[in-house]
Amino acid sequence: MRVKSNDSLVLLVLLLVGAIFGSLIGSALSGVFPILDYGKSIGVDPFVVDLNVIVLTFGFKLSLNIAGIIGIVTAFIIYRKL
């Protein structure tokens, strides 16, 4: 079965799953291979907008390690083979 090239939802889900599983595996194997757990965190700290009627909180943080990047690459290869 061949995935259409414009099916970006499948690609997004596969990349997210690859990043999550890669990060979990990297954290689990950090005692044996410490390089897999090395990573950086980027984003915006949460900030609050209080409008008396509604309170909105905005924020975004992305934390990715080496194993997560390997998971993303693996997920992309799997997507290309579909």
PDB file of N, CA and C in Angstrom:
ATOM      1  N   MET A   1       0.836  -1.171   0.000  1.00  0.00           N
ATOM      2  CA  MET A   1       0.000   0.000   0.000  1.00  0.00           C
ATOM      3  C   MET A   1       0.885   1.239   0.000  1.00  0.00           C
ATOM      4  N   ARG A   2       0.625   2.167  -0.876  1.00  0.00           N
ATOM      5  CA  ARG A   2       1.425   3.380  -1.030  1.00  0.00           C
ATOM      6  C   ARG A   2       0.677   4.567  -0.431  1.00  0.00           C
ATOM      7  N   VAL A   3       1.351   5.331   0.422  1.00  0.00           N
ATOM      8  CA  VAL A   3       0.763   6.518   1.035  1.00  0.00           C
ATOM      9  C   VAL A   3       0.890   7.676   0.056  1.00  0.00           C
ATOM     10  N   LYS A   4      -0.163   8.478  -0.080  1.00  0.00           N
ATOM     11  CA  LYS A   4      -0.120   9.643  -0.953  1.00  0.00           C
ATOM     12  C   LYS A   4       0.904  10.635  -0.419  1.00  0.00           C
ATOM     13  N   SER A   5       1.569  11.321  -1.339  1.00  0.00           N
ATOM     14  CA  SER A   5       2.627  12.244  -0.929  1.00  0.00           C
ATOM     15  C   SER A   5       2.081  13.454  -0.168  1.00  0.00           C
ATOM     16  N   ASN A   6       0.793  13.764  -0.318  1.00  0.00           N
ATOM     17  CA  ASN A   6       0.236  14.914   0.389  1.00  0.00           C
ATOM     18  C   ASN A   6      -0.441  14.521   1.699  1.00  0.00           C
ATOM     19  N   ASP A   7      -0.262  13.311   2.149  1.00  0.00           N
ATOM     20  CA  ASP A   7      -0.876  12.860   3.396  1.00  0.00           C
ATOM     21  C   ASP A   7       0.016  13.258   4.568  1.00  0.00           C
ATOM     22  N   SER A   8      -0.039  14.536   4.911  1.00  0.00           N
ATOM     23  CA  SER A   8       0.863  15.064   5.928  1.00  0.00           C
ATOM     24  C   SER A   8       0.446  14.671   7.342  1.00  0.00           C
ATOM     25  N   LEU A   9      -0.814  14.315   7.547  1.00  0.00           N
ATOM     26  CA  LEU A   9      -1.255  13.909   8.873  1.00  0.00           C
ATOM     27  C   LEU A   9      -0.578  12.612   9.306  1.00  0.00           C
ATOM     28  N   VAL A  10      -0.450  11.666   8.378  1.00  0.00           N
ATOM     29  CA  VAL A  10       0.235  10.403   8.687  1.00  0.00           C
ATOM     30  C   VAL A  10       1.696  10.678   9.017  1.00  0.00           C
ATOM     31  N   LEU A  11       2.327  11.542   8.250  1.00  0.00           N
ATOM     32  CA  LEU A  11       3.728  11.891   8.504  1.00  0.00           C
ATOM     33  C   LEU A  11       3.878  12.547   9.875  1.00  0.00           C
ATOM     34  N   LEU A  12       2.990  13.475  10.217  1.00  0.00           N
ATOM     35  CA  LEU A  12       3.066  14.153  11.505  1.00  0.00           C
ATOM     36  C   LEU A  12       2.903  13.180  12.663  1.00  0.00           C
ATOM     37  N   VAL A  13       1.941  12.267  12.550  1.00  0.00           N
ATOM     38  CA  VAL A  13       1.724  11.281  13.618  1.00  0.00           C
ATOM     39  C   VAL A  13       2.935  10.363  13.748  1.00  0.00           C
ATOM     40  N   LEU A  14       3.482   9.901  12.636  1.00  0.00           N
ATOM     41  CA  LEU A  14       4.661   9.029  12.696  1.00  0.00           C
ATOM     42  C   LEU A  14       5.859   9.749  13.303  1.00  0.00           C
ATOM     43  N   LEU A  15       6.053  11.016  12.957  1.00  0.00           N
ATOM     44  CA  LEU A  15       7.182  11.763  13.522  1.00  0.00           C
ATOM     45  C   LEU A  15       7.011  11.978  15.021  1.00  0.00           C
ATOM     46  N   LEU A  16       5.786  12.268  15.456  1.00  0.00           N
ATOM     47  CA  LEU A  16       5.546  12.435  16.889  1.00  0.00           C
ATOM     48  C   LEU A  16       5.757  11.132  17.656  1.00  0.00           C
ATOM     49  N   VAL A  17       5.261  10.032  17.096  1.00  0.00           N
ATOM     50  CA  VAL A  17       5.453   8.731  17.746  1.00  0.00           C
ATOM     51  C   VAL A  17       6.929   8.371  17.783  1.00  0.00           C
ATOM     52  N   GLY A  18       7.655   8.633  16.694  1.00  0.00           N
ATOM     53  CA  GLY A  18       9.092   8.366  16.662  1.00  0.00           C
ATOM     54  C   GLY A  18       9.854   9.187  17.679  1.00  0.00           C
ATOM     55  N   ALA A  19       9.489  10.461  17.834  1.00  0.00           N
ATOM     56  CA  ALA A  19      10.158  11.321  18.813  1.00  0.00           C
ATOM     57  C   ALA A  19       9.869  10.866  20.232  1.00  0.00           C
ATOM     58  N   ILE A  20       8.622  10.479  20.509  1.00  0.00           N
ATOM     59  CA  ILE A  20       8.254  10.045  21.858  1.00  0.00           C
ATOM     60  C   ILE A  20       8.948   8.743  22.218  1.00  0.00           C
ATOM     61  N   PHE A  21       8.863   7.748  21.328  1.00  0.00           N
ATOM     62  CA  PHE A  21       9.512   6.470  21.624  1.00  0.00           C
ATOM     63  C   PHE A  21      11.023   6.602  21.677  1.00  0.00           C
ATOM     64  N   GLY A  22      11.597   7.410  20.803  1.00  0.00           N
ATOM     65  CA  GLY A  22      13.039   7.627  20.840  1.00  0.00           C
ATOM     66  C   GLY A  22      13.487   8.267  22.143  1.00  0.00           C
ATOM     67  N   SER A  23      12.747   9.253  22.614  1.00  0.00           N
ATOM     68  CA  SER A  23      13.094   9.906  23.877  1.00  0.00           C
ATOM     69  C   SER A  23      12.942   8.958  25.058  1.00  0.00           C
ATOM     70  N   LEU A  24      11.887   8.140  25.036  1.00  0.00           N
ATOM     71  CA  LEU A  24      11.707   7.157  26.113  1.00  0.00           C
ATOM     72  C   LEU A  24      12.837   6.137  26.132  1.00  0.00           C
ATOM     73  N   ILE A  25      13.210   5.646  24.969  1.00  0.00           N
ATOM     74  CA  ILE A  25      14.300   4.672  24.888  1.00  0.00           C
ATOM     75  C   ILE A  25      15.617   5.317  25.300  1.00  0.00           C
ATOM     76  N   GLY A  26      15.838   6.568  24.882  1.00  0.00           N
ATOM     77  CA  GLY A  26      17.057   7.273  25.277  1.00  0.00           C
ATOM     78  C   GLY A  26      17.159   7.468  26.771  1.00  0.00           C
ATOM     79  N   SER A  27      16.041   7.795  27.406  1.00  0.00           N
ATOM     80  CA  SER A  27      16.046   7.951  28.860  1.00  0.00           C
ATOM     81  C   SER A  27      16.253   6.616  29.573  1.00  0.00           C
ATOM     82  N   ALA A  28      15.666   5.551  29.025  1.00  0.00           N
ATOM     83  CA  ALA A  28      15.805   4.235  29.640  1.00  0.00           C
ATOM     84  C   ALA A  28      17.228   3.698  29.515  1.00  0.00           C
ATOM     85  N   LEU A  29      17.883   3.993  28.408  1.00  0.00           N
ATOM     86  CA  LEU A  29      19.238   3.482  28.174  1.00  0.00           C
ATOM     87  C   LEU A  29      20.324   4.485  28.549  1.00  0.00           C
ATOM     88  N   SER A  30      19.958   5.545  29.263  1.00  0.00           N
ATOM     89  CA  SER A  30      20.954   6.573  29.582  1.00  0.00           C
ATOM     90  C   SER A  30      22.049   6.071  30.511  1.00  0.00           C
ATOM     91  N   GLY A  31      21.774   5.035  31.291  1.00  0.00           N
ATOM     92  CA  GLY A  31      22.807   4.469  32.157  1.00  0.00           C
ATOM     93  C   GLY A  31      23.873   3.723  31.366  1.00  0.00           C
ATOM     94  N   VAL A  32      23.454   3.094  30.261  1.00  0.00           N
ATOM     95  CA  VAL A  32      24.388   2.321  29.429  1.00  0.00           C
ATOM     96  C   VAL A  32      25.045   3.203  28.376  1.00  0.00           C
ATOM     97  N   PHE A  33      24.230   4.028  27.699  1.00  0.00           N
ATOM     98  CA  PHE A  33      24.722   4.932  26.653  1.00  0.00           C
ATOM     99  C   PHE A  33      24.317   6.363  27.018  1.00  0.00           C
ATOM    100  N   PRO A  34      25.133   7.071  27.786  1.00  0.00           N
ATOM    101  CA  PRO A  34      24.741   8.408  28.252  1.00  0.00           C
ATOM    102  C   PRO A  34      24.568   9.423  27.121  1.00  0.00           C
ATOM    103  N   ILE A  35      25.187   9.196  25.972  1.00  0.00           N
ATOM    104  CA  ILE A  35      25.070  10.145  24.855  1.00  0.00           C
ATOM    105  C   ILE A  35      23.648  10.203  24.315  1.00  0.00           C
ATOM    106  N   LEU A  36      22.884   9.110  24.459  1.00  0.00           N
ATOM    107  CA  LEU A  36      21.512   9.087  23.942  1.00  0.00           C
ATOM    108  C   LEU A  36      20.588  10.033  24.684  1.00  0.00           C
ATOM    109  N   ASP A  37      20.908  10.350  25.918  1.00  0.00           N
ATOM    110  CA  ASP A  37      20.044  11.214  26.731  1.00  0.00           C
ATOM    111  C   ASP A  37      20.467  12.678  26.663  1.00  0.00           C
ATOM    112  N   TYR A  38      21.509  13.007  25.915  1.00  0.00           N
ATOM    113  CA  TYR A  38      21.938  14.397  25.784  1.00  0.00           C
ATOM    114  C   TYR A  38      20.958  15.135  24.883  1.00  0.00           C
ATOM    115  N   GLY A  39      20.496  16.287  25.327  1.00  0.00           N
ATOM    116  CA  GLY A  39      19.553  17.043  24.519  1.00  0.00           C
ATOM    117  C   GLY A  39      19.424  18.474  24.981  1.00  0.00           C
ATOM    118  N   LYS A  40      18.629  19.200  24.258  1.00  0.00           N
ATOM    119  CA  LYS A  40      18.377  20.610  24.547  1.00  0.00           C
ATOM    120  C   LYS A  40      16.877  20.842  24.616  1.00  0.00           C
ATOM    121  N   SER A  41      16.522  21.923  25.280  1.00  0.00           N
ATOM    122  CA  SER A  41      15.128  22.301  25.416  1.00  0.00           C
ATOM    123  C   SER A  41      14.967  23.727  24.912  1.00  0.00           C
ATOM    124  N   ILE A  42      14.002  23.935  24.023  1.00  0.00           N
ATOM    125  CA  ILE A  42      13.729  25.271  23.508  1.00  0.00           C
ATOM    126  C   ILE A  42      12.245  25.566  23.701  1.00  0.00           C
ATOM    127  N   GLY A  43      11.917  26.830  23.770  1.00  0.00           N
ATOM    128  CA  GLY A  43      10.519  27.190  23.879  1.00  0.00           C
ATOM    129  C   GLY A  43      10.303  28.501  24.593  1.00  0.00           C
ATOM    130  N   VAL A  44       9.043  28.753  24.876  1.00  0.00           N
ATOM    131  CA  VAL A  44       8.614  29.970  25.554  1.00  0.00           C
ATOM    132  C   VAL A  44       7.999  29.558  26.881  1.00  0.00           C
ATOM    133  N   ASP A  45       8.438  30.198  27.956  1.00  0.00           N
ATOM    134  CA  ASP A  45       7.854  29.908  29.263  1.00  0.00           C
ATOM    135  C   ASP A  45       6.385  30.324  29.273  1.00  0.00           C
ATOM    136  N   PRO A  46       5.569  29.610  30.028  1.00  0.00           N
ATOM    137  CA  PRO A  46       4.144  29.953  30.061  1.00  0.00           C
ATOM    138  C   PRO A  46       3.903  31.354  30.619  1.00  0.00           C
ATOM    139  N   PHE A  47       2.978  32.059  29.999  1.00  0.00           N
ATOM    140  CA  PHE A  47       2.565  33.345  30.532  1.00  0.00           C
ATOM    141  C   PHE A  47       1.038  33.409  30.526  1.00  0.00           C
ATOM    142  N   VAL A  48       0.505  34.198  31.434  1.00  0.00           N
ATOM    143  CA  VAL A  48      -0.938  34.223  31.699  1.00  0.00           C
ATOM    144  C   VAL A  48      -1.513  35.565  31.285  1.00  0.00           C
ATOM    145  N   VAL A  49      -2.660  35.514  30.612  1.00  0.00           N
ATOM    146  CA  VAL A  49      -3.436  36.703  30.283  1.00  0.00           C
ATOM    147  C   VAL A  49      -4.747  36.597  31.053  1.00  0.00           C
ATOM    148  N   ASP A  50      -4.950  37.487  32.014  1.00  0.00           N
ATOM    149  CA  ASP A  50      -6.156  37.474  32.845  1.00  0.00           C
ATOM    150  C   ASP A  50      -7.088  38.580  32.365  1.00  0.00           C
ATOM    151  N   LEU A  51      -8.251  38.202  31.831  1.00  0.00           N
ATOM    152  CA  LEU A  51      -9.217  39.163  31.312  1.00  0.00           C
ATOM    153  C   LEU A  51     -10.453  39.294  32.206  1.00  0.00           C
ATOM    154  N   ASN A  52     -10.340  38.895  33.462  1.00  0.00           N
ATOM    155  CA  ASN A  52     -11.405  38.908  34.460  1.00  0.00           C
ATOM    156  C   ASN A  52     -12.533  37.939  34.156  1.00  0.00           C
ATOM    157  N   VAL A  53     -12.839  37.683  32.916  1.00  0.00           N
ATOM    158  CA  VAL A  53     -13.877  36.732  32.556  1.00  0.00           C
ATOM    159  C   VAL A  53     -13.253  35.392  32.212  1.00  0.00           C
ATOM    160  N   ILE A  54     -12.131  35.453  31.574  1.00  0.00           N
ATOM    161  CA  ILE A  54     -11.426  34.243  31.144  1.00  0.00           C
ATOM    162  C   ILE A  54      -9.936  34.438  31.397  1.00  0.00           C
ATOM    163  N   VAL A  55      -9.283  33.364  31.763  1.00  0.00           N
ATOM    164  CA  VAL A  55      -7.843  33.384  31.992  1.00  0.00           C
ATOM    165  C   VAL A  55      -7.205  32.473  30.949  1.00  0.00           C
ATOM    166  N   LEU A  56      -6.288  33.027  30.168  1.00  0.00           N
ATOM    167  CA  LEU A  56      -5.599  32.273  29.119  1.00  0.00           C
ATOM    168  C   LEU A  56      -4.147  32.070  29.508  1.00  0.00           C
ATOM    169  N   THR A  57      -3.654  30.864  29.283  1.00  0.00           N
ATOM    170  CA  THR A  57      -2.253  30.557  29.528  1.00  0.00           C
ATOM    171  C   THR A  57      -1.631  30.096  28.225  1.00  0.00           C
ATOM    172  N   PHE A  58      -0.545  30.743  27.840  1.00  0.00           N
ATOM    173  CA  PHE A  58       0.158  30.402  26.616  1.00  0.00           C
ATOM    174  C   PHE A  58       1.564  29.931  26.964  1.00  0.00           C
ATOM    175  N   GLY A  59       2.049  28.948  26.215  1.00  0.00           N
ATOM    176  CA  GLY A  59       3.407  28.468  26.404  1.00  0.00           C
ATOM    177  C   GLY A  59       3.711  27.335  25.447  1.00  0.00           C
ATOM    178  N   PHE A  60       4.984  27.129  25.205  1.00  0.00           N
ATOM    179  CA  PHE A  60       5.420  26.061  24.314  1.00  0.00           C
ATOM    180  C   PHE A  60       6.836  25.661  24.709  1.00  0.00           C
ATOM    181  N   LYS A  61       7.080  24.373  24.830  1.00  0.00           N
ATOM    182  CA  LYS A  61       8.412  23.890  25.154  1.00  0.00           C
ATOM    183  C   LYS A  61       8.655  22.602  24.390  1.00  0.00           C
ATOM    184  N   LEU A  62       9.790  22.528  23.734  1.00  0.00           N
ATOM    185  CA  LEU A  62      10.198  21.350  22.982  1.00  0.00           C
ATOM    186  C   LEU A  62      11.499  20.852  23.578  1.00  0.00           C
ATOM    187  N   SER A  63      11.482  19.611  24.031  1.00  0.00           N
ATOM    188  CA  SER A  63      12.650  19.003  24.638  1.00  0.00           C
ATOM    189  C   SER A  63      12.997  17.766  23.822  1.00  0.00           C
ATOM    190  N   LEU A  64      14.163  17.752  23.232  1.00  0.00           N
ATOM    191  CA  LEU A  64      14.533  16.674  22.327  1.00  0.00           C
ATOM    192  C   LEU A  64      15.950  16.212  22.639  1.00  0.00           C
ATOM    193  N   ASN A  65      16.148  14.888  22.655  1.00  0.00           N
ATOM    194  CA  ASN A  65      17.477  14.344  22.878  1.00  0.00           C
ATOM    195  C   ASN A  65      17.941  13.581  21.638  1.00  0.00           C
ATOM    196  N   ILE A  66      19.154  13.060  21.682  1.00  0.00           N
ATOM    197  CA  ILE A  66      19.741  12.365  20.532  1.00  0.00           C
ATOM    198  C   ILE A  66      18.892  11.171  20.125  1.00  0.00           C
ATOM    199  N   ALA A  67      18.408  10.403  21.076  1.00  0.00           N
ATOM    200  CA  ALA A  67      17.589   9.234  20.762  1.00  0.00           C
ATOM    201  C   ALA A  67      16.262   9.663  20.128  1.00  0.00           C
ATOM    202  N   GLY A  68      15.716  10.792  20.519  1.00  0.00           N
ATOM    203  CA  GLY A  68      14.505  11.312  19.900  1.00  0.00           C
ATOM    204  C   GLY A  68      14.726  11.670  18.440  1.00  0.00           C
ATOM    205  N   ILE A  69      15.889  12.237  18.147  1.00  0.00           N
ATOM    206  CA  ILE A  69      16.226  12.555  16.760  1.00  0.00           C
ATOM    207  C   ILE A  69      16.368  11.271  15.947  1.00  0.00           C
ATOM    208  N   ILE A  70      16.977  10.255  16.528  1.00  0.00           N
ATOM    209  CA  ILE A  70      17.086   8.958  15.847  1.00  0.00           C
ATOM    210  C   ILE A  70      15.698   8.375  15.607  1.00  0.00           C
ATOM    211  N   GLY A  71      14.793   8.534  16.565  1.00  0.00           N
ATOM    212  CA  GLY A  71      13.415   8.073  16.399  1.00  0.00           C
ATOM    213  C   GLY A  71      12.690   8.817  15.289  1.00  0.00           C
ATOM    214  N   ILE A  72      12.916  10.120  15.174  1.00  0.00           N
ATOM    215  CA  ILE A  72      12.296  10.908  14.112  1.00  0.00           C
ATOM    216  C   ILE A  72      12.806  10.467  12.744  1.00  0.00           C
ATOM    217  N   VAL A  73      14.111  10.258  12.631  1.00  0.00           N
ATOM    218  CA  VAL A  73      14.682   9.798  11.361  1.00  0.00           C
ATOM    219  C   VAL A  73      14.139   8.422  11.000  1.00  0.00           C
ATOM    220  N   THR A  74      14.043   7.534  11.975  1.00  0.00           N
ATOM    221  CA  THR A  74      13.495   6.201  11.733  1.00  0.00           C
ATOM    222  C   THR A  74      12.035   6.275  11.290  1.00  0.00           C
ATOM    223  N   ALA A  75      11.250   7.139  11.925  1.00  0.00           N
ATOM    224  CA  ALA A  75       9.853   7.305  11.545  1.00  0.00           C
ATOM    225  C   ALA A  75       9.736   7.848  10.124  1.00  0.00           C
ATOM    226  N   PHE A  76      10.615   8.755   9.737  1.00  0.00           N
ATOM    227  CA  PHE A  76      10.587   9.297   8.371  1.00  0.00           C
ATOM    228  C   PHE A  76      10.933   8.219   7.357  1.00  0.00           C
ATOM    229  N   ILE A  77      11.888   7.351   7.686  1.00  0.00           N
ATOM    230  CA  ILE A  77      12.240   6.248   6.783  1.00  0.00           C
ATOM    231  C   ILE A  77      11.062   5.287   6.639  1.00  0.00           C
ATOM    232  N   ILE A  78      10.372   5.016   7.747  1.00  0.00           N
ATOM    233  CA  ILE A  78       9.186   4.140   7.697  1.00  0.00           C
ATOM    234  C   ILE A  78       8.107   4.788   6.834  1.00  0.00           C
ATOM    235  N   TYR A  79       7.925   6.096   6.959  1.00  0.00           N
ATOM    236  CA  TYR A  79       6.931   6.802   6.155  1.00  0.00           C
ATOM    237  C   TYR A  79       7.256   6.699   4.666  1.00  0.00           C
ATOM    238  N   ARG A  80       8.513   6.834   4.324  1.00  0.00           N
ATOM    239  CA  ARG A  80       8.920   6.751   2.912  1.00  0.00           C
ATOM    240  C   ARG A  80       8.693   5.356   2.336  1.00  0.00           C
ATOM    241  N   LYS A  81       8.763   4.321   3.183  1.00  0.00           N
ATOM    242  CA  LYS A  81       8.589   2.952   2.707  1.00  0.00           C
ATOM    243  C   LYS A  81       7.120   2.557   2.600  1.00  0.00           C
ATOM    244  N   LEU A  82       6.192   3.343   3.186  1.00  0.00           N
ATOM    245  CA  LEU A  82       4.770   3.026   3.098  1.00  0.00           C
ATOM    246  C   LEU A  82       4.254   3.195   1.691  1.00  0.00           C
TER     247      LEU A  82
END
